[in-house]
């Protein structure tokens, strides 16, 4: 049964129809064999009738010959010899025909061999009486007839023909009985063969239908179960796709804000660089002033006033740089927070967010570098402020005491050199901030493009999930319809 259950539908149908065809072929073969026997028996019946007819014709020819002989003997008229002459011409042919018809019957062949002599003797007797009547007259012919020799020959012929006819009659009766029996058997075969064939075909059809119904019903049940599970999975996929699309939208919004912030950082960095260059220019100018003061001590008051003026300007610039650094520090912190949030969102996005996670990590590192640079710049600015305050105090003391200022000139020159070095460092840091913010903007733009692609993929995933859900629903309906067709009692 396990082997049969593994058969395909086509193989089962082929086996069922093949078995049905074999049953019908067997019934048809038996019926054909019996019909052949019936036809053959019918031909033998006809053969027996033909043999009887030929024997009867032979006896009739002899009677005709005797009748013609008697008529001629009595009347002497040659017209009465017509039956005799016709019989003489046909007797040999009839004997040959009977021999052919009874060639398969030894007893009939023996009778034919035995009947030849009486026939020849009878014909010779008839010929003799005719010749005597023609040559010697009626009395001579009558004398031969009255001897009853011809009657004895005719009695022998009749006896042999009667035996032959009796045997053919017996054969005919036996063959008729066989034909009747064959006909009855034929009717039984047709009747019961049709009934048995119908029952076998019906049983095979029922068995195949039942087995296919059970197997297909089980398969449809599995399809229904799988469809239900697939439908639940599709619903979860659709829900997840919607949530992913929503998250991608939020991430895209966050990245847009981050891009705007990075652009602001870039602009602030440019301003910081500009201020740093201006500060460097002022420092170089102060250094020139110190050189001029060193050349001419007489103009130290004027130069001190200029130094005070420049120091005040430098203090203002330092304050502006401090304000810009506050903005840069705040932007760096916001960028770091956005980068952390982007990393978290990318981790939730799975494989689609790996590239975004890498970009977000690079942004976070840049934000950390920017924060570190701002701290260094703040330290430098504080040093500049301290140096400016010291310089202002020194110039005030110098204005009160030019001689003391002259002695402290070396300290002032050293301080200006330090300022120039610090301003150079500030300028380089500002340029690094500007370059970093440009790289940050480029990276954010790349992240924005990647997020847009991920968002598009999420939308396509959501659409695909909807189509999958629709297909699963159609599959569920089809499985129910198929189960209703195969097993109506289980469809409900």
Protein backbone atom coordinates (compact mmCIF):
# COMPACT_ATOMS: atom_id res chain seq x y z
CA UNK A 1 0.00 0.00 0.00
CA UNK A 2 2.89 2.30 0.69
CA UNK A 3 4.21 1.60 -2.79
CA UNK A 4 0.82 2.37 -4.34
CA UNK A 5 0.51 5.57 -2.31
CA UNK A 6 3.77 6.77 -3.87
CA UNK A 7 2.41 6.37 -7.39
CA UNK A 8 1.65 9.50 -9.40
CA UNK A 9 -1.88 10.37 -10.54
CA UNK A 10 -1.04 9.47 -14.14
CA UNK A 11 0.45 6.14 -13.07
CA UNK A 12 -2.60 5.29 -10.98
CA UNK A 13 -4.99 6.20 -13.77
CA UNK A 14 -2.88 4.24 -16.25
CA UNK A 15 -2.87 1.21 -13.92
CA UNK A 16 -6.64 1.48 -13.37
CA UNK A 17 -7.45 1.86 -17.04
CA UNK A 18 -4.91 -0.85 -17.89
CA UNK A 19 -6.51 -3.31 -15.44
CA UNK A 20 -9.95 -2.39 -16.74
CA UNK A 21 -8.75 -2.84 -20.31
CA UNK A 22 -7.21 -6.21 -19.40
CA UNK A 23 -10.51 -7.33 -17.85
CA UNK A 24 -12.47 -6.23 -20.89
CA UNK A 25 -9.83 -7.73 -23.20
CA UNK A 26 -10.08 -11.07 -21.34
CA UNK A 27 -13.86 -11.04 -21.62
CA UNK A 28 -13.61 -10.02 -25.28
CA UNK A 29 -11.03 -12.76 -25.95
CA UNK A 30 -13.27 -15.42 -24.43
CA UNK A 31 -16.24 -14.08 -26.34
CA UNK A 32 -14.20 -13.93 -29.54
CA UNK A 33 -12.98 -17.51 -29.08
CA UNK A 34 -16.51 -18.72 -28.43
CA UNK A 35 -17.84 -16.73 -31.39
CA UNK A 36 -15.11 -18.23 -33.57
CA UNK A 37 -16.13 -21.69 -32.46
CA UNK A 38 -19.76 -20.81 -33.08
CA UNK A 39 -18.96 -19.55 -36.58
CA UNK A 40 -16.79 -22.59 -37.25
CA UNK A 41 -19.54 -24.87 -35.99
CA UNK A 42 -22.03 -23.05 -38.20
CA UNK A 43 -19.77 -23.65 -41.20
CA UNK A 44 -19.63 -27.32 -40.30
CA UNK A 45 -23.41 -27.38 -40.05
CA UNK A 46 -23.57 -25.91 -43.52
CA UNK A 47 -20.99 -28.47 -44.60
CA UNK A 48 -23.12 -31.31 -43.26
CA UNK A 49 -26.16 -29.94 -45.04
CA UNK A 50 -24.11 -29.69 -48.23
CA UNK A 51 -22.90 -33.31 -47.88
CA UNK A 52 -26.47 -34.50 -47.34
CA UNK A 53 -27.58 -32.50 -50.36
CA UNK A 54 -24.83 -34.00 -52.49
CA UNK A 55 -25.65 -37.55 -51.36
CA UNK A 56 -29.31 -36.84 -52.01
CA UNK A 57 -28.39 -35.44 -55.43
CA UNK A 58 -26.39 -38.60 -56.19
CA UNK A 59 -29.32 -40.79 -55.26
CA UNK A 60 -31.67 -38.53 -57.21
CA UNK A 61 -29.43 -38.78 -60.28
CA UNK A 62 -29.53 -42.56 -60.07
CA UNK A 63 -33.29 -42.41 -59.74
CA UNK A 64 -33.50 -40.07 -62.73
CA UNK A 65 -31.31 -42.43 -64.75
CA UNK A 66 -33.54 -45.37 -63.77
CA UNK A 67 -36.68 -43.37 -64.59
CA UNK A 68 -35.34 -42.47 -68.03
CA UNK A 69 -34.38 -46.10 -68.65
CA UNK A 70 -37.86 -47.35 -67.70
CA UNK A 71 -39.61 -44.79 -69.85
CA UNK A 72 -37.49 -45.70 -72.84
CA UNK A 73 -37.93 -49.42 -72.22
CA UNK A 74 -41.70 -49.03 -72.05
CA UNK A 75 -42.14 -46.61 -74.93
CA UNK A 76 -39.04 -47.00 -76.98
CA UNK A 77 -39.02 -43.21 -77.38
CA UNK A 78 -35.58 -41.63 -77.16
CA UNK A 79 -37.07 -38.52 -75.53
CA UNK A 80 -37.41 -40.51 -72.33
CA UNK A 81 -33.65 -40.96 -72.23
CA UNK A 82 -33.02 -37.27 -71.40
CA UNK A 83 -33.02 -37.82 -67.59
CA UNK A 84 -30.78 -40.84 -68.06
CA UNK A 85 -28.30 -38.94 -70.16
CA UNK A 86 -28.30 -35.98 -67.77
CA UNK A 87 -27.71 -38.34 -64.84
CA UNK A 88 -24.87 -40.11 -66.66
CA UNK A 89 -23.18 -36.73 -67.24
CA UNK A 90 -23.58 -35.56 -63.62
CA UNK A 91 -22.93 -38.68 -61.57
CA UNK A 92 -19.14 -38.46 -61.85
CA UNK A 93 -19.09 -34.77 -60.99
CA UNK A 94 -21.34 -35.36 -57.97
CA UNK A 95 -19.16 -38.20 -56.75
CA UNK A 96 -16.07 -35.96 -57.00
CA UNK A 97 -17.84 -33.17 -55.08
CA UNK A 98 -18.88 -35.56 -52.34
CA UNK A 99 -15.31 -36.88 -52.10
CA UNK A 100 -14.03 -33.33 -51.62
CA UNK A 101 -16.65 -32.51 -49.01
CA UNK A 102 -15.97 -35.68 -47.02
CA UNK A 103 -12.21 -35.72 -47.40
CA UNK A 104 -11.87 -35.22 -43.60
CA UNK A 105 -14.28 -38.10 -42.83
CA UNK A 106 -12.75 -41.59 -43.29
CA UNK A 107 -16.06 -43.43 -42.82
CA UNK A 108 -17.72 -41.39 -45.53
CA UNK A 109 -14.74 -42.01 -47.79
CA UNK A 110 -15.18 -45.74 -47.24
CA UNK A 111 -18.85 -45.46 -48.13
CA UNK A 112 -17.97 -43.55 -51.30
CA UNK A 113 -15.48 -46.25 -52.22
CA UNK A 114 -18.16 -48.87 -51.61
CA UNK A 115 -20.87 -47.06 -53.57
CA UNK A 116 -18.83 -46.74 -56.75
CA UNK A 117 -19.26 -50.40 -57.66
CA UNK A 118 -23.11 -50.50 -57.28
CA UNK A 119 -23.38 -47.21 -59.19
CA UNK A 120 -21.24 -48.51 -62.04
CA UNK A 121 -23.13 -51.80 -62.03
CA UNK A 122 -26.47 -50.02 -62.01
CA UNK A 123 -25.43 -47.74 -64.83
CA UNK A 124 -24.15 -50.73 -66.78
CA UNK A 125 -27.47 -52.51 -66.17
CA UNK A 126 -29.37 -49.45 -67.34
CA UNK A 127 -27.20 -49.18 -70.40
CA UNK A 128 -27.69 -52.88 -71.13
CA UNK A 129 -31.47 -52.69 -70.95
CA UNK A 130 -31.50 -49.62 -73.14
CA UNK A 131 -29.33 -51.33 -75.71
CA UNK A 132 -31.48 -54.47 -75.58
CA UNK A 133 -34.63 -52.40 -76.00
CA UNK A 134 -33.11 -50.63 -78.92
CA UNK A 135 -31.72 -53.78 -80.63
CA UNK A 136 -33.89 -56.73 -79.48
CA UNK A 137 -37.08 -55.17 -78.40
CA UNK A 138 -39.16 -54.80 -75.29
CA UNK A 139 -39.18 -58.43 -74.20
CA UNK A 140 -35.45 -58.78 -74.06
CA UNK A 141 -35.13 -55.58 -72.04
CA UNK A 142 -38.03 -56.62 -69.80
CA UNK A 143 -36.33 -59.90 -69.10
CA UNK A 144 -33.27 -58.06 -67.72
CA UNK A 145 -35.45 -55.71 -65.70
CA UNK A 146 -37.48 -58.58 -64.34
CA UNK A 147 -34.32 -60.25 -63.04
CA UNK A 148 -34.23 -57.58 -60.24
CA UNK A 149 -30.47 -57.16 -60.65
CA UNK A 150 -30.90 -53.43 -61.09
CA UNK A 151 -33.14 -53.30 -58.01
CA UNK A 152 -30.46 -54.94 -55.92
CA UNK A 153 -27.90 -52.37 -57.10
CA UNK A 154 -30.32 -49.52 -56.28
CA UNK A 155 -31.01 -51.04 -52.87
CA UNK A 156 -27.27 -51.11 -52.17
CA UNK A 157 -26.94 -47.51 -53.36
CA UNK A 158 -29.92 -46.44 -51.22
CA UNK A 159 -28.52 -48.24 -48.19
CA UNK A 160 -25.08 -46.64 -48.54
CA UNK A 161 -26.63 -43.22 -49.14
CA UNK A 162 -28.94 -43.76 -46.18
CA UNK A 163 -25.97 -44.67 -43.92
CA UNK A 164 -24.04 -41.65 -45.15
CA UNK A 165 -27.04 -39.38 -44.66
CA UNK A 166 -27.64 -40.84 -41.21
CA UNK A 167 -24.06 -40.13 -40.19
CA UNK A 168 -24.28 -36.59 -41.55
CA UNK A 169 -27.60 -36.18 -39.78
CA UNK A 170 -26.00 -37.31 -36.53
CA UNK A 171 -23.11 -34.93 -37.11
CA UNK A 172 -25.59 -32.21 -37.90
CA UNK A 173 -27.52 -32.85 -34.68
CA UNK A 174 -24.31 -32.93 -32.65
CA UNK A 175 -23.06 -29.73 -34.27
CA UNK A 176 -26.44 -28.10 -33.80
CA UNK A 177 -26.26 -29.00 -30.11
CA UNK A 178 -22.72 -27.62 -29.96
CA UNK A 179 -23.87 -24.49 -31.75
CA UNK A 180 -26.74 -24.12 -29.29
CA UNK A 181 -24.38 -24.67 -26.37
CA UNK A 182 -21.90 -22.17 -27.86
CA UNK A 183 -24.69 -19.65 -28.38
CA UNK A 184 -25.84 -20.09 -24.76
CA UNK A 185 -22.26 -19.79 -23.55
CA UNK A 186 -21.84 -16.72 -25.73
CA UNK A 187 -24.91 -15.13 -24.17
CA UNK A 188 -23.66 -15.99 -20.67
CA UNK A 189 -20.23 -14.60 -21.45
CA UNK A 190 -21.69 -11.40 -22.87
CA UNK A 191 -24.15 -11.03 -20.00
CA UNK A 192 -21.97 -11.98 -17.04
CA UNK A 193 -18.81 -10.70 -18.70
CA UNK A 194 -20.48 -7.31 -19.11
CA UNK A 195 -21.70 -7.39 -15.51
CA UNK A 196 -18.32 -8.51 -14.14
CA UNK A 197 -16.45 -6.06 -16.37
CA UNK A 198 -18.72 -3.23 -15.25
CA UNK A 199 -18.28 -4.19 -11.60
CA UNK A 200 -14.48 -4.47 -12.00
CA UNK A 201 -14.24 -1.11 -13.79
CA UNK A 202 -16.51 0.48 -11.20
CA UNK A 203 -14.47 -1.03 -8.34
CA UNK A 204 -11.20 0.11 -9.92
CA UNK A 205 -12.62 3.58 -10.52
CA UNK A 206 -13.92 3.76 -6.94
CA UNK A 207 -10.59 2.58 -5.52
CA UNK A 208 -8.55 5.02 -7.61
CA UNK A 209 -10.96 7.87 -6.88
CA UNK A 210 -10.87 7.08 -3.17
CA UNK A 211 -7.08 6.84 -3.04
CA UNK A 212 -6.60 10.02 -5.10
CA UNK A 213 -9.24 11.80 -3.05
CA UNK A 214 -7.53 10.86 0.22
CA UNK A 215 -4.05 11.74 -1.03
CA UNK A 216 -5.06 14.97 -2.74
CA UNK A 217 -7.23 15.84 0.25
CA UNK A 218 -4.21 15.42 2.53
CA UNK A 219 -2.09 17.49 0.14
CA UNK A 220 -4.76 20.20 0.01
CA UNK A 221 -4.92 20.15 3.79
CA UNK A 222 -1.18 20.72 3.93
CA UNK A 223 -1.57 23.50 1.34
CA UNK A 224 -4.27 25.13 3.48
CA UNK A 225 -2.06 24.88 6.57
CA UNK A 226 0.95 26.23 4.68
CA UNK A 227 -1.19 28.99 3.18
CA UNK A 228 -2.35 30.01 6.65
CA UNK A 229 1.22 30.08 7.94
CA UNK A 230 2.40 31.92 4.83
CA UNK A 231 -0.45 34.40 5.21
CA UNK A 232 0.53 35.09 8.82
CA UNK A 233 4.16 35.50 7.76
CA UNK A 234 3.09 37.81 4.94
CA UNK A 235 1.06 39.91 7.41
CA UNK A 236 4.10 40.15 9.68
CA UNK A 237 6.29 41.01 6.70
CA UNK A 238 3.87 43.70 5.57
CA UNK A 239 3.69 45.13 9.10
CA UNK A 240 7.49 45.03 9.42
CA UNK A 241 7.87 46.67 6.02
CA UNK A 242 5.54 49.48 7.07
CA UNK A 243 7.47 49.99 10.30
CA UNK A 244 10.75 49.89 8.39
CA UNK A 245 9.46 52.43 5.87
CA UNK A 246 8.35 54.68 8.75
CA UNK A 247 11.74 54.31 10.45
CA UNK A 248 13.54 55.07 7.18
CA UNK A 249 11.42 58.19 6.80
CA UNK A 250 12.39 59.34 10.29
CA UNK A 251 16.05 58.55 9.61
CA UNK A 252 15.86 60.46 6.34
CA UNK A 253 14.44 63.46 8.20
CA UNK A 254 17.20 63.19 10.83
CA UNK A 255 19.87 62.96 8.13
CA UNK A 256 18.41 66.03 6.41
CA UNK A 257 18.69 67.94 9.68
CA UNK A 258 22.22 66.60 10.16
CA UNK A 259 23.11 67.77 6.64
CA UNK A 260 21.81 71.26 7.41
CA UNK A 261 23.76 71.27 10.69
CA UNK A 262 26.95 70.14 8.97
CA UNK A 263 26.55 72.95 6.45
CA UNK A 264 26.18 75.44 9.31
CA UNK A 265 29.33 73.96 10.88
CA UNK A 266 31.13 74.41 7.57
CA UNK A 267 30.06 78.05 7.38
CA UNK A 268 31.12 78.66 11.00
CA UNK A 269 34.44 76.96 10.31
CA UNK A 270 34.98 79.27 7.35
CA UNK A 271 34.31 82.28 9.59
CA UNK A 272 36.68 80.87 12.21
CA UNK A 273 39.36 80.45 9.56
CA UNK A 274 38.79 84.01 8.36
CA UNK A 275 39.02 85.35 11.91
CA UNK A 276 42.13 83.28 12.51
CA UNK A 277 43.75 84.73 9.41
CA UNK A 278 42.83 88.21 10.55
CA UNK A 279 44.26 87.40 13.98
CA UNK A 280 47.45 86.11 12.37
CA UNK A 281 47.68 89.29 10.34
CA UNK A 282 47.22 91.33 13.50
CA UNK A 283 49.87 89.25 15.26
CA UNK A 284 52.30 89.81 12.38
CA UNK A 285 51.53 93.53 12.52
CA UNK A 286 52.19 93.52 16.29
CA UNK A 287 55.45 91.73 15.69
CA UNK A 288 56.43 94.42 13.20
CA UNK A 289 55.49 97.04 15.71
CA UNK A 290 57.77 95.41 18.28
CA UNK A 291 60.59 95.52 15.75
CA UNK A 292 59.91 99.16 15.07
CA UNK A 293 59.89 99.86 18.82
CA UNK A 294 63.16 98.03 19.12
CA UNK A 295 64.66 100.31 16.45
CA UNK A 296 63.35 103.48 17.94
CA UNK A 297 62.74 103.60 21.69
CA UNK A 298 61.69 107.18 21.39
CA UNK A 299 58.37 106.20 19.78
CA UNK A 300 57.60 103.58 22.39
CA UNK A 301 54.65 105.51 23.79
CA UNK A 302 52.95 105.63 20.43
CA UNK A 303 53.74 102.02 19.77
CA UNK A 304 52.51 101.07 23.24
CA UNK A 305 49.25 102.82 22.47
CA UNK A 306 49.01 100.91 19.22
CA UNK A 307 49.83 97.72 21.06
CA UNK A 308 47.06 98.44 23.55
CA UNK A 309 44.69 99.13 20.67
CA UNK A 310 45.75 95.93 18.89
CA UNK A 311 45.49 93.94 22.11
CA UNK A 312 41.98 95.19 22.67
CA UNK A 313 41.12 94.23 19.10
CA UNK A 314 42.76 90.89 19.66
CA UNK A 315 40.67 90.43 22.81
CA UNK A 316 37.52 91.08 20.80
CA UNK A 317 38.61 88.65 18.13
CA UNK A 318 39.37 86.09 20.81
CA UNK A 319 35.90 86.58 22.22
CA UNK A 320 34.41 86.13 18.72
CA UNK A 321 36.51 83.01 18.25
CA UNK A 322 35.24 81.76 21.60
CA UNK A 323 31.64 82.33 20.49
CA UNK A 324 32.28 80.52 17.22
CA UNK A 325 33.94 77.70 19.15
CA UNK A 326 30.84 77.45 21.34
CA UNK A 327 28.75 77.02 18.20
CA UNK A 328 31.22 74.52 16.77
CA UNK A 329 31.27 72.57 20.05
CA UNK A 330 27.47 72.54 20.20
CA UNK A 331 27.27 71.39 16.54
CA UNK A 332 29.87 68.70 17.25
CA UNK A 333 27.80 67.43 20.18
CA UNK A 334 24.62 67.46 18.08
CA UNK A 335 26.47 65.67 15.26
CA UNK A 336 27.73 63.06 17.73
CA UNK A 337 24.19 62.53 19.09
CA UNK A 338 22.78 62.27 15.55
CA UNK A 339 25.53 59.83 14.60
CA UNK A 340 24.72 57.65 17.63
CA UNK A 341 21.00 57.75 16.77
CA UNK A 342 21.81 56.91 13.13
CA UNK A 343 23.95 53.96 14.29
CA UNK A 344 21.05 52.67 16.42
CA UNK A 345 18.57 53.05 13.54
CA UNK A 346 21.02 51.38 11.13
CA UNK A 347 21.39 48.43 13.51
CA UNK A 348 17.60 48.06 13.52
CA UNK A 349 17.46 48.17 9.72
CA UNK A 350 19.44 44.91 9.36
CA UNK A 351 21.57 44.25 6.28
CA UNK A 352 20.21 47.32 4.50
CA UNK A 353 21.65 49.57 7.21
CA UNK A 354 25.20 48.22 7.38
CA UNK A 355 26.59 50.79 4.97
CA UNK A 356 24.71 53.54 6.78
CA UNK A 357 26.14 52.32 10.09
CA UNK A 358 29.67 52.64 8.69
CA UNK A 359 28.99 56.19 7.49
CA UNK A 360 27.39 57.10 10.84
CA UNK A 361 30.46 55.79 12.68
CA UNK A 362 32.72 57.93 10.49
CA UNK A 363 30.51 60.96 11.21
CA UNK A 364 30.75 60.26 14.94
CA UNK A 365 34.53 60.04 14.70
CA UNK A 366 34.64 63.36 12.80
CA UNK A 367 32.39 64.90 15.48
CA UNK A 368 34.77 63.63 18.17
CA UNK A 369 37.71 65.14 16.27
CA UNK A 370 35.86 68.42 15.89
CA UNK A 371 35.06 68.40 19.62
CA UNK A 372 38.70 67.69 20.42
CA UNK A 373 39.86 70.45 18.07
CA UNK A 374 37.45 72.95 19.62
CA UNK A 375 38.78 72.09 23.06
CA UNK A 376 42.33 72.66 21.84
CA UNK A 377 41.31 75.93 20.18
CA UNK A 378 39.53 77.00 23.35
CA UNK A 379 42.69 76.32 25.30
CA UNK A 380 44.70 78.33 22.78
CA UNK A 381 42.17 81.19 22.91
CA UNK A 382 42.35 81.19 26.68
CA UNK A 383 46.09 81.39 26.36
CA UNK A 384 45.69 84.23 23.88
CA UNK A 385 43.34 86.04 26.25
CA UNK A 386 45.76 85.55 29.08
CA UNK A 387 48.59 86.79 26.89
CA UNK A 388 46.50 89.76 25.78
CA UNK A 389 45.68 90.64 29.39
CA UNK A 390 49.30 90.32 30.31
CA UNK A 391 50.29 92.48 27.35
CA UNK A 392 47.69 95.12 28.27
CA UNK A 393 48.91 95.22 31.83
CA UNK A 394 52.49 95.36 30.58
CA UNK A 395 51.72 98.24 28.23
CA UNK A 396 49.91 100.11 31.01
CA UNK A 397 52.90 99.63 33.26
CA UNK A 398 55.14 100.63 30.36
CA UNK A 399 53.18 103.82 29.85
CA UNK A 400 53.74 104.68 33.47
CA UNK A 401 57.35 103.75 33.34
CA UNK A 402 58.97 103.82 29.92
CA UNK A 403 62.21 102.67 31.41
CA UNK A 404 60.55 99.64 32.98
CA UNK A 405 58.81 99.04 29.68
CA UNK A 406 62.12 99.19 27.91
CA UNK A 407 63.51 96.56 30.25
CA UNK A 408 60.45 94.44 29.70
CA UNK A 409 60.65 94.90 25.92
CA UNK A 410 62.29 91.55 25.61
CA UNK A 411 59.42 89.91 27.44
CA UNK A 412 56.92 91.65 25.17
CA UNK A 413 58.76 90.49 22.06
CA UNK A 414 58.80 86.95 23.41
CA UNK A 415 55.09 87.16 24.18
CA UNK A 416 54.30 88.37 20.65
CA UNK A 417 56.24 85.49 19.20
CA UNK A 418 54.20 83.12 21.34
CA UNK A 419 51.02 84.87 20.20
CA UNK A 420 52.07 84.51 16.56
CA UNK A 421 52.71 80.81 17.13
CA UNK A 422 49.35 80.36 18.85
CA UNK A 423 47.56 82.26 16.09
CA UNK A 424 49.26 80.05 13.49
CA UNK A 425 48.08 76.97 15.41
CA UNK A 426 44.58 78.46 15.59
CA UNK A 427 44.58 79.08 11.85
CA UNK A 428 45.65 75.51 11.11
CA UNK A 429 43.00 74.15 13.49
CA UNK A 430 40.36 76.31 11.80
CA UNK A 431 41.40 75.00 8.40
CA UNK A 432 41.24 71.42 9.71
CA UNK A 433 37.76 72.17 11.06
CA UNK A 434 36.72 73.55 7.70
CA UNK A 435 38.10 70.49 5.87
CA UNK A 436 36.46 68.14 8.37
CA UNK A 437 33.11 69.87 8.04
CA UNK A 438 33.35 69.61 4.24
CA UNK A 439 34.09 65.89 4.53
CA UNK A 440 31.27 65.61 7.04
CA UNK A 441 28.87 67.30 4.59
CA UNK A 442 29.93 64.93 1.78
CA UNK A 443 29.53 61.93 4.06
CA UNK A 444 26.11 63.12 5.22
CA UNK A 445 25.03 63.56 1.60
CA UNK A 446 26.16 60.00 0.85
CA UNK A 447 24.27 58.80 3.90
CA UNK A 448 21.23 60.72 2.69
CA UNK A 449 21.44 58.98 -0.71
CA UNK A 450 21.87 55.60 0.99
CA UNK A 451 18.87 56.28 3.23
CA UNK A 452 16.84 57.26 0.15
CA UNK A 453 17.78 53.94 -1.47
CA UNK A 454 16.90 52.06 1.71
CA UNK A 455 13.59 53.92 1.87
CA UNK A 456 12.83 52.97 -1.74
CA UNK A 457 13.74 49.36 -0.96
CA UNK A 458 11.44 49.48 2.07
CA UNK A 459 8.59 50.75 -0.09
CA UNK A 460 9.24 48.00 -2.64
CA UNK A 461 9.39 45.45 0.19
CA UNK A 462 6.07 46.72 1.49
CA UNK A 463 4.55 46.45 -2.00
CA UNK A 464 5.98 42.95 -2.44
CA UNK A 465 4.61 41.94 0.94
CA UNK A 466 1.17 43.17 -0.13
CA UNK A 467 1.36 41.18 -3.34
CA UNK A 468 2.52 38.12 -1.40
CA UNK A 469 -0.38 38.51 0.99
CA UNK A 470 -2.81 38.76 -1.95
CA UNK A 471 -1.29 35.66 -3.60
CA UNK A 472 -1.51 33.71 -0.34
CA UNK A 473 -5.17 34.72 0.03
CA UNK A 474 -5.88 33.48 -3.50
CA UNK A 475 -4.00 30.25 -2.73
CA UNK A 476 -6.14 29.74 0.38
CA UNK A 477 -9.35 30.23 -1.63
CA UNK A 478 -8.12 27.84 -4.33
CA UNK A 479 -7.19 25.19 -1.76
CA UNK A 480 -10.67 25.46 -0.24
CA UNK A 481 -12.28 25.13 -3.67
CA UNK A 482 -10.11 22.12 -4.52
CA UNK A 483 -10.89 20.48 -1.18
CA UNK A 484 -14.61 21.17 -1.75
CA UNK A 485 -14.38 19.42 -5.13
CA UNK A 486 -12.45 16.40 -3.82
CA UNK A 487 -13.89 16.00 -0.32
CA UNK A 488 -17.09 18.03 0.06
CA UNK A 489 -17.66 16.75 3.62
CA UNK A 490 -14.28 18.21 4.70
CA UNK A 491 -14.58 21.54 2.85
CA UNK A 492 -16.54 23.13 5.67
